[in-house]
Structures are given as structure tokens and as C-alpha cells.
């Protein structure tokens, strides 16, 4: 449990709060579709998933020891 709470950042807490707010508002207004969407949006930060999955949008870090080749372009007319 201690390691689970260590990975939380501001955006994850914010997404959870917005999901709970949408869910509560949906229940209070008897809009069950909105309550279901709120539950889905509240579940996403709890499971640490998003549009790209867990760290799916990260780009690989280039190693400092590797040599990058310069790319040349030619204009096609």
C-alpha cells in the first residue's frame, strides 16, 4: 500500500476528484449514463491507466554514448 500511494501525482489526484464529482452529480440528477461515465473516469486513475496505458506515451531516451547520424534531405520538384 505504501508503494501504491508513492506513485500519485497532482494530475492523477485531479482526475480522480473529477471522476468522483461527475459520478456524484450523475447520481444526484438521476442521469445513470453520466454516473457510469463518472465511475469510469474515477476508476482510471485508481488503476493508473489512461489513453496510452501505463507509460505508453513515453519516448525512449537516447543513450549519451551513441553517435547519431546527420540526416540530409534533398528537395524534390
C-alpha atoms as a PDB file:
ATOM      1  CA  UNK A   1       0.000   0.000   0.000  1.00  0.00           C
ATOM      2  CA  UNK A   2       2.890   2.330   0.775  1.00  0.00           C
ATOM      3  CA  UNK A   3       4.380   1.871  -2.711  1.00  0.00           C
ATOM      4  CA  UNK A   4       0.952   2.315  -4.310  1.00  0.00           C
ATOM      5  CA  UNK A   5       0.462   5.779  -2.808  1.00  0.00           C
ATOM      6  CA  UNK A   6       4.003   6.867  -3.693  1.00  0.00           C
ATOM      7  CA  UNK A   7       3.304   6.989  -7.453  1.00  0.00           C
ATOM      8  CA  UNK A   8       0.472   9.545  -7.198  1.00  0.00           C
ATOM      9  CA  UNK A   9       0.984  12.977  -8.727  1.00  0.00           C
ATOM     10  CA  UNK A  10      -1.245  16.045  -8.998  1.00  0.00           C
ATOM     11  CA  UNK A  11      -2.867  15.061 -12.309  1.00  0.00           C
ATOM     12  CA  UNK A  12      -3.776  11.604 -11.050  1.00  0.00           C
ATOM     13  CA  UNK A  13      -5.461  13.015  -7.932  1.00  0.00           C
ATOM     14  CA  UNK A  14      -7.170  15.684 -10.061  1.00  0.00           C
ATOM     15  CA  UNK A  15      -8.545  13.051 -12.470  1.00  0.00           C
ATOM     16  CA  UNK A  16      -9.843  11.006  -9.532  1.00  0.00           C
ATOM     17  CA  UNK A  17     -11.543  14.046  -7.982  1.00  0.00           C
ATOM     18  CA  UNK A  18     -13.192  14.996 -11.287  1.00  0.00           C
ATOM     19  CA  UNK A  19     -14.410  11.439 -11.791  1.00  0.00           C
ATOM     20  CA  UNK A  20     -15.947  11.332  -8.315  1.00  0.00           C
ATOM     21  CA  UNK A  21     -17.582  14.744  -8.831  1.00  0.00           C
ATOM     22  CA  UNK A  22     -19.088  13.667 -12.172  1.00  0.00           C
ATOM     23  CA  UNK A  23     -20.294  10.406 -10.642  1.00  0.00           C
ATOM     24  CA  UNK A  24     -21.941  12.129  -7.660  1.00  0.00           C
ATOM     25  CA  UNK A  25     -23.595  14.731  -9.886  1.00  0.00           C
ATOM     26  CA  UNK A  26     -24.905  11.971 -12.155  1.00  0.00           C
ATOM     27  CA  UNK A  27     -26.398  10.094  -9.207  1.00  0.00           C
ATOM     28  CA  UNK A  28     -27.971  13.248  -7.778  1.00  0.00           C
ATOM     29  CA  UNK A  29     -29.561  14.122 -11.145  1.00  0.00           C
ATOM     30  CA  UNK A  30     -30.631  10.502 -11.821  1.00  0.00           C
ATOM     31  CA  UNK A  31     -28.557  10.545 -15.007  1.00  0.00           C
ATOM     32  CA  UNK A  32     -27.224   6.999 -14.910  1.00  0.00           C
ATOM     33  CA  UNK A  33     -25.140   7.315 -18.054  1.00  0.00           C
ATOM     34  CA  UNK A  34     -23.325  10.281 -16.505  1.00  0.00           C
ATOM     35  CA  UNK A  35     -22.880   8.363 -13.245  1.00  0.00           C
ATOM     36  CA  UNK A  36     -21.406   5.437 -15.191  1.00  0.00           C
ATOM     37  CA  UNK A  37     -19.010   7.711 -17.060  1.00  0.00           C
ATOM     38  CA  UNK A  38     -18.003   9.302 -13.763  1.00  0.00           C
ATOM     39  CA  UNK A  39     -17.324   5.848 -12.318  1.00  0.00           C
ATOM     40  CA  UNK A  40     -15.212   5.010 -15.373  1.00  0.00           C
ATOM     41  CA  UNK A  41     -13.252   8.255 -15.054  1.00  0.00           C
ATOM     42  CA  UNK A  42     -12.788   7.635 -11.311  1.00  0.00           C
ATOM     43  CA  UNK A  43     -11.586   4.075 -11.944  1.00  0.00           C
ATOM     44  CA  UNK A  44      -8.947   5.099 -14.490  1.00  0.00           C
ATOM     45  CA  UNK A  45      -6.624   6.912 -12.022  1.00  0.00           C
ATOM     46  CA  UNK A  46      -7.162   4.175  -9.434  1.00  0.00           C
ATOM     47  CA  UNK A  47      -5.869   1.588 -11.906  1.00  0.00           C
ATOM     48  CA  UNK A  48      -3.256   4.037 -13.277  1.00  0.00           C
ATOM     49  CA  UNK A  49      -4.413   3.715 -16.867  1.00  0.00           C
ATOM     50  CA  UNK A  50      -5.140   6.375 -19.419  1.00  0.00           C
ATOM     51  CA  UNK A  51      -5.360   6.830 -23.134  1.00  0.00           C
ATOM     52  CA  UNK A  52      -1.924   5.294 -23.673  1.00  0.00           C
ATOM     53  CA  UNK A  53      -1.793   2.819 -20.806  1.00  0.00           C
ATOM     54  CA  UNK A  54       0.899   2.795 -18.160  1.00  0.00           C
ATOM     55  CA  UNK A  55       3.796   4.886 -19.519  1.00  0.00           C
ATOM     56  CA  UNK A  56       2.708   4.069 -23.062  1.00  0.00           C
ATOM     57  CA  UNK A  57       3.279   7.595 -24.343  1.00  0.00           C
ATOM     58  CA  UNK A  58       6.859   7.864 -23.164  1.00  0.00           C
ATOM     59  CA  UNK A  59       9.552   8.093 -25.805  1.00  0.00           C
ATOM     60  CA  UNK A  60      12.774   6.140 -25.374  1.00  0.00           C
ATOM     61  CA  UNK A  61      15.704   8.093 -24.004  1.00  0.00           C
ATOM     62  CA  UNK A  62      18.716   8.152 -26.299  1.00  0.00           C
ATOM     63  CA  UNK A  63      21.894   6.871 -24.714  1.00  0.00           C
ATOM     64  CA  UNK A  64      24.575   9.536 -24.403  1.00  0.00           C
ATOM     65  CA  UNK A  65      27.312   7.239 -25.698  1.00  0.00           C
ATOM     66  CA  UNK A  66      25.629   6.532 -29.021  1.00  0.00           C
ATOM     67  CA  UNK A  67      26.561   8.506 -32.075  1.00  0.00           C
ATOM     68  CA  UNK A  68      23.706   9.973 -34.080  1.00  0.00           C
ATOM     69  CA  UNK A  69      23.999  10.251 -37.830  1.00  0.00           C
ATOM     70  CA  UNK A  70      23.165  13.505 -39.529  1.00  0.00           C
ATOM     71  CA  UNK A  71      20.257  13.230 -41.933  1.00  0.00           C
ATOM     72  CA  UNK A  72      20.414  15.065 -45.231  1.00  0.00           C
ATOM     73  CA  UNK A  73      17.344  15.971 -47.229  1.00  0.00           C
ATOM     74  CA  UNK A  74      17.019  16.830 -50.882  1.00  0.00           C
ATOM     75  CA  UNK A  75      14.230  18.821 -52.428  1.00  0.00           C
ATOM     76  CA  UNK A  76      12.078  17.005 -54.979  1.00  0.00           C
ATOM     77  CA  UNK A  77      10.429  19.174 -57.627  1.00  0.00           C
END
